[in-house]
Amino acid sequence: MYKRCKICQKFFTTLNKQSIYCINCRGKKNYYKKEERIEKECAFCGGTFFTTRSNQRFCIDRCRAKFHENKIAKNKNCLRCGKQFITTNNSRQYCCNRHYLITKRERDHKNYMEKKK
């Protein structure tokens, strides 16, 4: 079935009776949300893409994954045991989850005891 695109006015072929946009204009028009689409530049490949989220940085998942693969590993010291470990996460403070949970439990107990007084 031939239809005329609502945005570019070009004819396109579709099997869906409800289609109103051609394949080129589908990404430009957000027909599910009322929010306006923002044109942004991908932080990895530099290509442009449209999004409704102001914090989106990448055009596709592949670019996001490649960007995070290229992160630089850093040496940090565990706040619990002092052991040195390698991480790419700036907010990580413990060498393992066990040390994080022990410290959290102690901190929560201390806060509970202070409130109890």
PDB file of N, CA and C in Angstrom:
ATOM      1  N   MET A   1       0.843  -1.165   0.000  1.00  0.00           N
ATOM      2  CA  MET A   1       0.000   0.000   0.000  1.00  0.00           C
ATOM      3  C   MET A   1       0.900   1.242   0.000  1.00  0.00           C
ATOM      4  N   TYR A   2       0.555   2.223  -0.828  1.00  0.00           N
ATOM      5  CA  TYR A   2       1.296   3.482  -0.895  1.00  0.00           C
ATOM      6  C   TYR A   2       0.621   4.516  -0.013  1.00  0.00           C
ATOM      7  N   LYS A   3       1.439   5.236   0.736  1.00  0.00           N
ATOM      8  CA  LYS A   3       0.921   6.304   1.590  1.00  0.00           C
ATOM      9  C   LYS A   3       1.847   7.508   1.479  1.00  0.00           C
ATOM     10  N   ARG A   4       1.358   8.676   1.884  1.00  0.00           N
ATOM     11  CA  ARG A   4       2.163   9.897   1.869  1.00  0.00           C
ATOM     12  C   ARG A   4       2.599  10.213   3.298  1.00  0.00           C
ATOM     13  N   CYS A   5       3.891  10.452   3.497  1.00  0.00           N
ATOM     14  CA  CYS A   5       4.452  10.768   4.816  1.00  0.00           C
ATOM     15  C   CYS A   5       3.939  12.122   5.299  1.00  0.00           C
ATOM     16  N   LYS A   6       3.562  12.201   6.573  1.00  0.00           N
ATOM     17  CA  LYS A   6       3.048  13.452   7.144  1.00  0.00           C
ATOM     18  C   LYS A   6       4.126  14.523   7.292  1.00  0.00           C
ATOM     19  N   ILE A   7       5.401  14.119   7.380  1.00  0.00           N
ATOM     20  CA  ILE A   7       6.468  15.090   7.599  1.00  0.00           C
ATOM     21  C   ILE A   7       7.066  15.568   6.278  1.00  0.00           C
ATOM     22  N   CYS A   8       7.579  14.635   5.456  1.00  0.00           N
ATOM     23  CA  CYS A   8       8.303  15.025   4.236  1.00  0.00           C
ATOM     24  C   CYS A   8       7.428  15.020   2.986  1.00  0.00           C
ATOM     25  N   GLN A   9       6.214  14.521   3.091  1.00  0.00           N
ATOM     26  CA  GLN A   9       5.248  14.480   1.995  1.00  0.00           C
ATOM     27  C   GLN A   9       5.646  13.541   0.853  1.00  0.00           C
ATOM     28  N   LYS A  10       6.649  12.675   1.059  1.00  0.00           N
ATOM     29  CA  LYS A  10       7.046  11.709   0.037  1.00  0.00           C
ATOM     30  C   LYS A  10       6.190  10.456   0.192  1.00  0.00           C
ATOM     31  N   PHE A  11       6.015   9.734  -0.926  1.00  0.00           N
ATOM     32  CA  PHE A  11       5.257   8.487  -0.889  1.00  0.00           C
ATOM     33  C   PHE A  11       6.150   7.360  -0.395  1.00  0.00           C
ATOM     34  N   PHE A  12       5.568   6.428   0.363  1.00  0.00           N
ATOM     35  CA  PHE A  12       6.299   5.274   0.854  1.00  0.00           C
ATOM     36  C   PHE A  12       5.384   4.052   0.833  1.00  0.00           C
ATOM     37  N   THR A  13       6.020   2.871   0.847  1.00  0.00           N
ATOM     38  CA  THR A  13       5.280   1.613   0.815  1.00  0.00           C
ATOM     39  C   THR A  13       5.195   1.035   2.218  1.00  0.00           C
ATOM     40  N   THR A  14       4.021   0.522   2.586  1.00  0.00           N
ATOM     41  CA  THR A  14       3.844  -0.071   3.901  1.00  0.00           C
ATOM     42  C   THR A  14       2.783  -1.170   3.848  1.00  0.00           C
ATOM     43  N   LEU A  15       2.894  -2.099   4.773  1.00  0.00           N
ATOM     44  CA  LEU A  15       1.869  -3.132   4.926  1.00  0.00           C
ATOM     45  C   LEU A  15       0.908  -2.776   6.052  1.00  0.00           C
ATOM     46  N   ASN A  16       1.323  -1.817   6.898  1.00  0.00           N
ATOM     47  CA  ASN A  16       0.532  -1.401   8.042  1.00  0.00           C
ATOM     48  C   ASN A  16      -0.399  -0.251   7.652  1.00  0.00           C
ATOM     49  N   LYS A  17      -1.683  -0.409   7.865  1.00  0.00           N
ATOM     50  CA  LYS A  17      -2.651   0.630   7.494  1.00  0.00           C
ATOM     51  C   LYS A  17      -2.501   1.884   8.363  1.00  0.00           C
ATOM     52  N   GLN A  18      -1.930   1.733   9.566  1.00  0.00           N
ATOM     53  CA  GLN A  18      -1.843   2.858  10.493  1.00  0.00           C
ATOM     54  C   GLN A  18      -0.574   3.689  10.324  1.00  0.00           C
ATOM     55  N   SER A  19       0.380   3.257   9.500  1.00  0.00           N
ATOM     56  CA  SER A  19       1.627   4.003   9.308  1.00  0.00           C
ATOM     57  C   SER A  19       1.345   5.363   8.680  1.00  0.00           C
ATOM     58  N   ILE A  20       1.943   6.404   9.263  1.00  0.00           N
ATOM     59  CA  ILE A  20       1.767   7.743   8.694  1.00  0.00           C
ATOM     60  C   ILE A  20       3.110   8.414   8.402  1.00  0.00           C
ATOM     61  N   TYR A  21       4.240   7.756   8.768  1.00  0.00           N
ATOM     62  CA  TYR A  21       5.561   8.308   8.535  1.00  0.00           C
ATOM     63  C   TYR A  21       6.396   7.335   7.718  1.00  0.00           C
ATOM     64  N   CYS A  22       7.233   7.859   6.833  1.00  0.00           N
ATOM     65  CA  CYS A  22       8.149   7.009   6.072  1.00  0.00           C
ATOM     66  C   CYS A  22       9.294   6.571   6.991  1.00  0.00           C
ATOM     67  N   ILE A  23      10.132   5.667   6.509  1.00  0.00           N
ATOM     68  CA  ILE A  23      11.204   5.112   7.338  1.00  0.00           C
ATOM     69  C   ILE A  23      12.231   6.183   7.722  1.00  0.00           C
ATOM     70  N   ASN A  24      12.424   7.189   6.878  1.00  0.00           N
ATOM     71  CA  ASN A  24      13.390   8.259   7.173  1.00  0.00           C
ATOM     72  C   ASN A  24      12.878   9.217   8.247  1.00  0.00           C
ATOM     73  N   CYS A  25      11.580   9.421   8.299  1.00  0.00           N
ATOM     74  CA  CYS A  25      11.007  10.390   9.251  1.00  0.00           C
ATOM     75  C   CYS A  25      10.571   9.757  10.567  1.00  0.00           C
ATOM     76  N   ARG A  26      10.517   8.431  10.647  1.00  0.00           N
ATOM     77  CA  ARG A  26      10.070   7.764  11.867  1.00  0.00           C
ATOM     78  C   ARG A  26      10.913   8.139  13.077  1.00  0.00           C
ATOM     79  N   GLY A  27      12.228   8.242  12.909  1.00  0.00           N
ATOM     80  CA  GLY A  27      13.111   8.581  14.016  1.00  0.00           C
ATOM     81  C   GLY A  27      13.021  10.036  14.427  1.00  0.00           C
ATOM     82  N   LYS A  28      12.593  10.902  13.515  1.00  0.00           N
ATOM     83  CA  LYS A  28      12.505  12.332  13.812  1.00  0.00           C
ATOM     84  C   LYS A  28      11.248  12.690  14.581  1.00  0.00           C
ATOM     85  N   LYS A  29      10.202  11.917  14.389  1.00  0.00           N
ATOM     86  CA  LYS A  29       8.927  12.209  15.028  1.00  0.00           C
ATOM     87  C   LYS A  29       8.696  11.253  16.178  1.00  0.00           C
ATOM     88  N   ASN A  30       8.437  11.798  17.331  1.00  0.00           N
ATOM     89  CA  ASN A  30       8.131  10.976  18.500  1.00  0.00           C
ATOM     90  C   ASN A  30       6.614  10.883  18.621  1.00  0.00           C
ATOM     91  N   TYR A  31       6.049   9.751  18.152  1.00  0.00           N
ATOM     92  CA  TYR A  31       4.607   9.651  18.162  1.00  0.00           C
ATOM     93  C   TYR A  31       4.047   8.962  19.387  1.00  0.00           C
ATOM     94  N   TYR A  32       4.884   8.576  20.333  1.00  0.00           N
ATOM     95  CA  TYR A  32       4.393   7.952  21.561  1.00  0.00           C
ATOM     96  C   TYR A  32       4.366   8.928  22.733  1.00  0.00           C
ATOM     97  N   LYS A  33       5.257   9.872  22.748  1.00  0.00           N
ATOM     98  CA  LYS A  33       5.347  10.822  23.854  1.00  0.00           C
ATOM     99  C   LYS A  33       5.089  12.236  23.341  1.00  0.00           C
ATOM    100  N   LYS A  34       4.653  13.081  24.225  1.00  0.00           N
ATOM    101  CA  LYS A  34       4.402  14.472  23.872  1.00  0.00           C
ATOM    102  C   LYS A  34       5.688  15.304  23.934  1.00  0.00           C
ATOM    103  N   GLU A  35       6.746  14.742  24.558  1.00  0.00           N
ATOM    104  CA  GLU A  35       7.990  15.478  24.720  1.00  0.00           C
ATOM    105  C   GLU A  35       8.642  15.752  23.376  1.00  0.00           C
ATOM    106  N   GLU A  36       9.350  16.839  23.296  1.00  0.00           N
ATOM    107  CA  GLU A  36      10.035  17.217  22.065  1.00  0.00           C
ATOM    108  C   GLU A  36      11.343  16.455  21.928  1.00  0.00           C
ATOM    109  N   ARG A  37      11.652  16.046  20.740  1.00  0.00           N
ATOM    110  CA  ARG A  37      12.903  15.327  20.466  1.00  0.00           C
ATOM    111  C   ARG A  37      14.046  16.322  20.354  1.00  0.00           C
ATOM    112  N   ILE A  38      15.193  15.941  20.929  1.00  0.00           N
ATOM    113  CA  ILE A  38      16.391  16.769  20.918  1.00  0.00           C
ATOM    114  C   ILE A  38      17.404  16.099  20.000  1.00  0.00           C
ATOM    115  N   GLU A  39      18.040  16.872  19.139  1.00  0.00           N
ATOM    116  CA  GLU A  39      19.104  16.325  18.296  1.00  0.00           C
ATOM    117  C   GLU A  39      20.413  16.444  19.064  1.00  0.00           C
ATOM    118  N   LYS A  40      21.127  15.313  19.227  1.00  0.00           N
ATOM    119  CA  LYS A  40      22.368  15.297  19.991  1.00  0.00           C
ATOM    120  C   LYS A  40      23.462  14.619  19.195  1.00  0.00           C
ATOM    121  N   GLU A  41      24.692  14.781  19.675  1.00  0.00           N
ATOM    122  CA  GLU A  41      25.845  14.149  19.054  1.00  0.00           C
ATOM    123  C   GLU A  41      26.330  13.013  19.944  1.00  0.00           C
ATOM    124  N   CYS A  42      26.595  11.855  19.343  1.00  0.00           N
ATOM    125  CA  CYS A  42      27.051  10.674  20.086  1.00  0.00           C
ATOM    126  C   CYS A  42      28.442  10.938  20.668  1.00  0.00           C
ATOM    127  N   ALA A  43      28.636  10.596  21.940  1.00  0.00           N
ATOM    128  CA  ALA A  43      29.913  10.819  22.626  1.00  0.00           C
ATOM    129  C   ALA A  43      31.010   9.883  22.126  1.00  0.00           C
ATOM    130  N   PHE A  44      30.639   8.802  21.437  1.00  0.00           N
ATOM    131  CA  PHE A  44      31.648   7.858  20.956  1.00  0.00           C
ATOM    132  C   PHE A  44      31.951   8.049  19.473  1.00  0.00           C
ATOM    133  N   CYS A  45      30.921   7.962  18.630  1.00  0.00           N
ATOM    134  CA  CYS A  45      31.159   7.981  17.170  1.00  0.00           C
ATOM    135  C   CYS A  45      31.008   9.366  16.553  1.00  0.00           C
ATOM    136  N   GLY A  46      30.388  10.307  17.270  1.00  0.00           N
ATOM    137  CA  GLY A  46      30.226  11.660  16.743  1.00  0.00           C
ATOM    138  C   GLY A  46      29.015  11.836  15.843  1.00  0.00           C
ATOM    139  N   GLY A  47      28.260  10.762  15.584  1.00  0.00           N
ATOM    140  CA  GLY A  47      27.060  10.841  14.748  1.00  0.00           C
ATOM    141  C   GLY A  47      25.923  11.543  15.472  1.00  0.00           C
ATOM    142  N   THR A  48      24.970  12.051  14.722  1.00  0.00           N
ATOM    143  CA  THR A  48      23.826  12.722  15.346  1.00  0.00           C
ATOM    144  C   THR A  48      22.674  11.740  15.507  1.00  0.00           C
ATOM    145  N   PHE A  49      21.866  11.962  16.547  1.00  0.00           N
ATOM    146  CA  PHE A  49      20.691  11.133  16.818  1.00  0.00           C
ATOM    147  C   PHE A  49      19.653  11.970  17.539  1.00  0.00           C
ATOM    148  N   PHE A  50      18.410  11.499  17.538  1.00  0.00           N
ATOM    149  CA  PHE A  50      17.312  12.197  18.206  1.00  0.00           C
ATOM    150  C   PHE A  50      16.928  11.449  19.479  1.00  0.00           C
ATOM    151  N   THR A  51      16.638  12.201  20.533  1.00  0.00           N
ATOM    152  CA  THR A  51      16.260  11.608  21.808  1.00  0.00           C
ATOM    153  C   THR A  51      15.312  12.536  22.556  1.00  0.00           C
ATOM    154  N   THR A  52      14.559  11.966  23.496  1.00  0.00           N
ATOM    155  CA  THR A  52      13.708  12.783  24.363  1.00  0.00           C
ATOM    156  C   THR A  52      14.356  12.963  25.729  1.00  0.00           C
ATOM    157  N   ARG A  53      15.447  12.221  25.979  1.00  0.00           N
ATOM    158  CA  ARG A  53      16.121  12.306  27.277  1.00  0.00           C
ATOM    159  C   ARG A  53      17.318  13.243  27.181  1.00  0.00           C
ATOM    160  N   SER A  54      17.419  14.173  28.103  1.00  0.00           N
ATOM    161  CA  SER A  54      18.508  15.151  28.063  1.00  0.00           C
ATOM    162  C   SER A  54      19.850  14.545  28.466  1.00  0.00           C
ATOM    163  N   ASN A  55      19.842  13.408  29.190  1.00  0.00           N
ATOM    164  CA  ASN A  55      21.090  12.821  29.664  1.00  0.00           C
ATOM    165  C   ASN A  55      21.608  11.683  28.775  1.00  0.00           C
ATOM    166  N   GLN A  56      20.936  11.377  27.666  1.00  0.00           N
ATOM    167  CA  GLN A  56      21.406  10.307  26.778  1.00  0.00           C
ATOM    168  C   GLN A  56      22.651  10.781  26.042  1.00  0.00           C
ATOM    169  N   ARG A  57      23.715   9.958  26.050  1.00  0.00           N
ATOM    170  CA  ARG A  57      24.991  10.359  25.460  1.00  0.00           C
ATOM    171  C   ARG A  57      25.357   9.588  24.203  1.00  0.00           C
ATOM    172  N   PHE A  58      24.736   8.427  23.971  1.00  0.00           N
ATOM    173  CA  PHE A  58      25.150   7.560  22.876  1.00  0.00           C
ATOM    174  C   PHE A  58      23.974   7.266  21.954  1.00  0.00           C
ATOM    175  N   CYS A  59      24.275   7.086  20.669  1.00  0.00           N
ATOM    176  CA  CYS A  59      23.214   6.842  19.687  1.00  0.00           C
ATOM    177  C   CYS A  59      22.679   5.414  19.775  1.00  0.00           C
ATOM    178  N   ILE A  60      23.540   4.424  19.994  1.00  0.00           N
ATOM    179  CA  ILE A  60      23.121   3.027  20.093  1.00  0.00           C
ATOM    180  C   ILE A  60      23.913   2.330  21.198  1.00  0.00           C
ATOM    181  N   ASP A  61      23.449   1.151  21.599  1.00  0.00           N
ATOM    182  CA  ASP A  61      24.106   0.396  22.667  1.00  0.00           C
ATOM    183  C   ASP A  61      25.539   0.019  22.316  1.00  0.00           C
ATOM    184  N   ARG A  62      25.803  -0.242  21.041  1.00  0.00           N
ATOM    185  CA  ARG A  62      27.153  -0.621  20.624  1.00  0.00           C
ATOM    186  C   ARG A  62      28.151   0.515  20.922  1.00  0.00           C
ATOM    187  N   CYS A  63      27.763   1.756  20.652  1.00  0.00           N
ATOM    188  CA  CYS A  63      28.631   2.906  20.940  1.00  0.00           C
ATOM    189  C   CYS A  63      28.855   3.053  22.450  1.00  0.00           C
ATOM    190  N   ARG A  64      27.791   2.844  23.239  1.00  0.00           N
ATOM    191  CA  ARG A  64      27.913   2.935  24.688  1.00  0.00           C
ATOM    192  C   ARG A  64      28.876   1.878  25.209  1.00  0.00           C
ATOM    193  N   ALA A  65      28.756   0.643  24.717  1.00  0.00           N
ATOM    194  CA  ALA A  65      29.622  -0.447  25.164  1.00  0.00           C
ATOM    195  C   ALA A  65      31.074  -0.193  24.765  1.00  0.00           C
ATOM    196  N   LYS A  66      31.307   0.250  23.545  1.00  0.00           N
ATOM    197  CA  LYS A  66      32.671   0.532  23.076  1.00  0.00           C
ATOM    198  C   LYS A  66      33.303   1.668  23.891  1.00  0.00           C
ATOM    199  N   PHE A  67      32.493   2.685  24.216  1.00  0.00           N
ATOM    200  CA  PHE A  67      32.992   3.812  25.007  1.00  0.00           C
ATOM    201  C   PHE A  67      33.466   3.329  26.378  1.00  0.00           C
ATOM    202  N   HIS A  68      32.672   2.470  27.023  1.00  0.00           N
ATOM    203  CA  HIS A  68      33.012   1.994  28.361  1.00  0.00           C
ATOM    204  C   HIS A  68      34.140   0.964  28.340  1.00  0.00           C
ATOM    205  N   GLU A  69      34.351   0.278  27.213  1.00  0.00           N
ATOM    206  CA  GLU A  69      35.489  -0.645  27.079  1.00  0.00           C
ATOM    207  C   GLU A  69      36.809   0.124  27.105  1.00  0.00           C
ATOM    208  N   ASN A  70      36.777   1.348  26.590  1.00  0.00           N
ATOM    209  CA  ASN A  70      37.996   2.146  26.464  1.00  0.00           C
ATOM    210  C   ASN A  70      38.333   2.953  27.719  1.00  0.00           C
ATOM    211  N   LYS A  71      37.601   2.751  28.809  1.00  0.00           N
ATOM    212  CA  LYS A  71      37.897   3.470  30.048  1.00  0.00           C
ATOM    213  C   LYS A  71      39.256   3.059  30.594  1.00  0.00           C
ATOM    214  N   ILE A  72      39.916   3.986  31.258  1.00  0.00           N
ATOM    215  CA  ILE A  72      41.240   3.728  31.813  1.00  0.00           C
ATOM    216  C   ILE A  72      41.110   3.124  33.207  1.00  0.00           C
ATOM    217  N   ALA A  73      41.816   2.019  33.431  1.00  0.00           N
ATOM    218  CA  ALA A  73      41.800   1.359  34.742  1.00  0.00           C
ATOM    219  C   ALA A  73      42.684   2.132  35.714  1.00  0.00           C
ATOM    220  N   LYS A  74      42.259   2.219  36.966  1.00  0.00           N
ATOM    221  CA  LYS A  74      42.990   2.958  37.999  1.00  0.00           C
ATOM    222  C   LYS A  74      43.267   2.042  39.182  1.00  0.00           C
ATOM    223  N   ASN A  75      44.374   2.277  39.842  1.00  0.00           N
ATOM    224  CA  ASN A  75      44.704   1.568  41.080  1.00  0.00           C
ATOM    225  C   ASN A  75      44.114   2.344  42.244  1.00  0.00           C
ATOM    226  N   LYS A  76      43.394   1.650  43.125  1.00  0.00           N
ATOM    227  CA  LYS A  76      42.812   2.262  44.324  1.00  0.00           C
ATOM    228  C   LYS A  76      43.092   1.368  45.517  1.00  0.00           C
ATOM    229  N   ASN A  77      42.997   1.941  46.704  1.00  0.00           N
ATOM    230  CA  ASN A  77      43.166   1.184  47.944  1.00  0.00           C
ATOM    231  C   ASN A  77      41.812   1.000  48.610  1.00  0.00           C
ATOM    232  N   CYS A  78      41.554  -0.217  49.074  1.00  0.00           N
ATOM    233  CA  CYS A  78      40.304  -0.543  49.755  1.00  0.00           C
ATOM    234  C   CYS A  78      40.237   0.219  51.077  1.00  0.00           C
ATOM    235  N   LEU A  79      39.091   0.842  51.368  1.00  0.00           N
ATOM    236  CA  LEU A  79      38.927   1.580  52.622  1.00  0.00           C
ATOM    237  C   LEU A  79      38.843   0.646  53.823  1.00  0.00           C
ATOM    238  N   ARG A  80      38.523  -0.606  53.611  1.00  0.00           N
ATOM    239  CA  ARG A  80      38.377  -1.571  54.703  1.00  0.00           C
ATOM    240  C   ARG A  80      39.705  -2.242  55.078  1.00  0.00           C
ATOM    241  N   CYS A  81      40.386  -2.818  54.065  1.00  0.00           N
ATOM    242  CA  CYS A  81      41.589  -3.609  54.360  1.00  0.00           C
ATOM    243  C   CYS A  81      42.888  -2.965  53.858  1.00  0.00           C
ATOM    244  N   GLY A  82      42.780  -1.928  53.025  1.00  0.00           N
ATOM    245  CA  GLY A  82      43.965  -1.267  52.505  1.00  0.00           C
ATOM    246  C   GLY A  82      44.583  -1.951  51.289  1.00  0.00           C
ATOM    247  N   LYS A  83      44.010  -3.067  50.872  1.00  0.00           N
ATOM    248  CA  LYS A  83      44.523  -3.814  49.720  1.00  0.00           C
ATOM    249  C   LYS A  83      44.336  -2.987  48.444  1.00  0.00           C
ATOM    250  N   GLN A  84      45.335  -3.046  47.553  1.00  0.00           N
ATOM    251  CA  GLN A  84      45.238  -2.312  46.299  1.00  0.00           C
ATOM    252  C   GLN A  84      44.457  -3.150  45.280  1.00  0.00           C
ATOM    253  N   PHE A  85      43.547  -2.478  44.533  1.00  0.00           N
ATOM    254  CA  PHE A  85      42.757  -3.153  43.505  1.00  0.00           C
ATOM    255  C   PHE A  85      42.636  -2.240  42.297  1.00  0.00           C
ATOM    256  N   ILE A  86      42.312  -2.835  41.155  1.00  0.00           N
ATOM    257  CA  ILE A  86      42.188  -2.093  39.900  1.00  0.00           C
ATOM    258  C   ILE A  86      40.714  -1.949  39.555  1.00  0.00           C
ATOM    259  N   THR A  87      40.305  -0.732  39.161  1.00  0.00           N
ATOM    260  CA  THR A  87      38.909  -0.476  38.794  1.00  0.00           C
ATOM    261  C   THR A  87      38.828   0.624  37.744  1.00  0.00           C
ATOM    262  N   THR A  88      37.744   0.615  36.987  1.00  0.00           N
ATOM    263  CA  THR A  88      37.449   1.714  36.059  1.00  0.00           C
ATOM    264  C   THR A  88      36.327   2.585  36.609  1.00  0.00           C
ATOM    265  N   ASN A  89      35.762   2.182  37.744  1.00  0.00           N
ATOM    266  CA  ASN A  89      34.653   2.892  38.370  1.00  0.00           C
ATOM    267  C   ASN A  89      35.206   3.874  39.402  1.00  0.00           C
ATOM    268  N   ASN A  90      35.002   5.170  39.175  1.00  0.00           N
ATOM    269  CA  ASN A  90      35.540   6.188  40.083  1.00  0.00           C
ATOM    270  C   ASN A  90      34.921   6.139  41.474  1.00  0.00           C
ATOM    271  N   SER A  91      33.677   5.675  41.582  1.00  0.00           N
ATOM    272  CA  SER A  91      33.004   5.697  42.873  1.00  0.00           C
ATOM    273  C   SER A  91      33.283   4.444  43.711  1.00  0.00           C
ATOM    274  N   ARG A  92      33.924   3.440  43.163  1.00  0.00           N
ATOM    275  CA  ARG A  92      34.191   2.215  43.915  1.00  0.00           C
ATOM    276  C   ARG A  92      35.250   2.466  44.982  1.00  0.00           C
ATOM    277  N   GLN A  93      34.979   2.030  46.216  1.00  0.00           N
ATOM    278  CA  GLN A  93      35.884   2.303  47.340  1.00  0.00           C
ATOM    279  C   GLN A  93      36.382   1.042  48.027  1.00  0.00           C
ATOM    280  N   TYR A  94      35.813  -0.102  47.706  1.00  0.00           N
ATOM    281  CA  TYR A  94      36.166  -1.356  48.378  1.00  0.00           C
ATOM    282  C   TYR A  94      36.608  -2.391  47.347  1.00  0.00           C
ATOM    283  N   CYS A  95      37.508  -3.278  47.759  1.00  0.00           N
ATOM    284  CA  CYS A  95      38.033  -4.291  46.833  1.00  0.00           C
ATOM    285  C   CYS A  95      37.029  -5.392  46.542  1.00  0.00           C
ATOM    286  N   CYS A  96      36.065  -5.613  47.441  1.00  0.00           N
ATOM    287  CA  CYS A  96      35.060  -6.654  47.221  1.00  0.00           C
ATOM    288  C   CYS A  96      33.748  -6.245  47.880  1.00  0.00           C
ATOM    289  N   ASN A  97      32.695  -6.899  47.491  1.00  0.00           N
ATOM    290  CA  ASN A  97      31.366  -6.606  48.012  1.00  0.00           C
ATOM    291  C   ASN A  97      31.265  -6.938  49.501  1.00  0.00           C
ATOM    292  N   ARG A  98      31.988  -7.937  49.938  1.00  0.00           N
ATOM    293  CA  ARG A  98      31.965  -8.341  51.347  1.00  0.00           C
ATOM    294  C   ARG A  98      32.441  -7.190  52.243  1.00  0.00           C
ATOM    295  N   HIS A  99      33.539  -6.534  51.862  1.00  0.00           N
ATOM    296  CA  HIS A  99      34.049  -5.412  52.654  1.00  0.00           C
ATOM    297  C   HIS A  99      33.077  -4.242  52.653  1.00  0.00           C
ATOM    298  N   TYR A 100      32.421  -4.013  51.529  1.00  0.00           N
ATOM    299  CA  TYR A 100      31.418  -2.951  51.458  1.00  0.00           C
ATOM    300  C   TYR A 100      30.266  -3.245  52.424  1.00  0.00           C
ATOM    301  N   LEU A 101      29.771  -4.485  52.422  1.00  0.00           N
ATOM    302  CA  LEU A 101      28.630  -4.844  53.277  1.00  0.00           C
ATOM    303  C   LEU A 101      28.975  -4.787  54.758  1.00  0.00           C
ATOM    304  N   ILE A 102      30.192  -5.229  55.131  1.00  0.00           N
ATOM    305  CA  ILE A 102      30.620  -5.171  56.539  1.00  0.00           C
ATOM    306  C   ILE A 102      30.664  -3.722  57.008  1.00  0.00           C
ATOM    307  N   THR A 103      31.272  -2.865  56.187  1.00  0.00           N
ATOM    308  CA  THR A 103      31.380  -1.443  56.546  1.00  0.00           C
ATOM    309  C   THR A 103      30.000  -0.808  56.636  1.00  0.00           C
ATOM    310  N   LYS A 104      29.120  -1.133  55.709  1.00  0.00           N
ATOM    311  CA  LYS A 104      27.762  -0.584  55.716  1.00  0.00           C
ATOM    312  C   LYS A 104      27.008  -1.027  56.964  1.00  0.00           C
ATOM    313  N   ARG A 105      27.142  -2.291  57.333  1.00  0.00           N
ATOM    314  CA  ARG A 105      26.473  -2.809  58.522  1.00  0.00           C
ATOM    315  C   ARG A 105      26.969  -2.088  59.771  1.00  0.00           C
ATOM    316  N   GLU A 106      28.289  -1.880  59.878  1.00  0.00           N
ATOM    317  CA  GLU A 106      28.849  -1.158  61.032  1.00  0.00           C
ATOM    318  C   GLU A 106      28.349   0.287  61.071  1.00  0.00           C
ATOM    319  N   ARG A 107      28.309   0.940  59.908  1.00  0.00           N
ATOM    320  CA  ARG A 107      27.857   2.325  59.845  1.00  0.00           C
ATOM    321  C   ARG A 107      26.379   2.422  60.220  1.00  0.00           C
ATOM    322  N   ASP A 108      25.563   1.499  59.717  1.00  0.00           N
ATOM    323  CA  ASP A 108      24.133   1.497  60.047  1.00  0.00           C
ATOM    324  C   ASP A 108      23.911   1.250  61.539  1.00  0.00           C
ATOM    325  N   HIS A 109      24.689   0.342  62.127  1.00  0.00           N
ATOM    326  CA  HIS A 109      24.568   0.057  63.558  1.00  0.00           C
ATOM    327  C   HIS A 109      24.963   1.284  64.381  1.00  0.00           C
ATOM    328  N   LYS A 110      26.039   1.953  63.959  1.00  0.00           N
ATOM    329  CA  LYS A 110      26.486   3.161  64.669  1.00  0.00           C
ATOM    330  C   LYS A 110      25.405   4.241  64.620  1.00  0.00           C
ATOM    331  N   ASN A 111      24.795   4.449  63.438  1.00  0.00           N
ATOM    332  CA  ASN A 111      23.726   5.450  63.299  1.00  0.00           C
ATOM    333  C   ASN A 111      22.507   5.076  64.146  1.00  0.00           C
ATOM    334  N   TYR A 112      22.188   3.790  64.221  1.00  0.00           N
ATOM    335  CA  TYR A 112      21.072   3.317  65.029  1.00  0.00           C
ATOM    336  C   TYR A 112      21.325   3.604  66.512  1.00  0.00           C
ATOM    337  N   MET A 113      22.550   3.340  66.966  1.00  0.00           N
ATOM    338  CA  MET A 113      22.884   3.551  68.364  1.00  0.00           C
ATOM    339  C   MET A 113      22.850   5.047  68.724  1.00  0.00           C
ATOM    340  N   GLU A 114      23.275   5.913  67.783  1.00  0.00           N
ATOM    341  CA  GLU A 114      23.254   7.353  68.041  1.00  0.00           C
ATOM    342  C   GLU A 114      21.813   7.851  68.150  1.00  0.00           C
ATOM    343  N   LYS A 115      20.924   7.347  67.303  1.00  0.00           N
ATOM    344  CA  LYS A 115      19.530   7.751  67.336  1.00  0.00           C
ATOM    345  C   LYS A 115      18.839   7.248  68.602  1.00  0.00           C
ATOM    346  N   LYS A 116      19.290   6.110  69.091  1.00  0.00           N
ATOM    347  CA  LYS A 116      18.682   5.490  70.270  1.00  0.00           C
ATOM    348  C   LYS A 116      18.961   6.304  71.541  1.00  0.00           C
ATOM    349  N   LYS A 117      20.071   7.014  71.562  1.00  0.00           N
ATOM    350  CA  LYS A 117      20.449   7.780  72.769  1.00  0.00           C
ATOM    351  C   LYS A 117      19.558   8.924  73.047  1.00  0.00           C
TER     352      LYS A 117
END
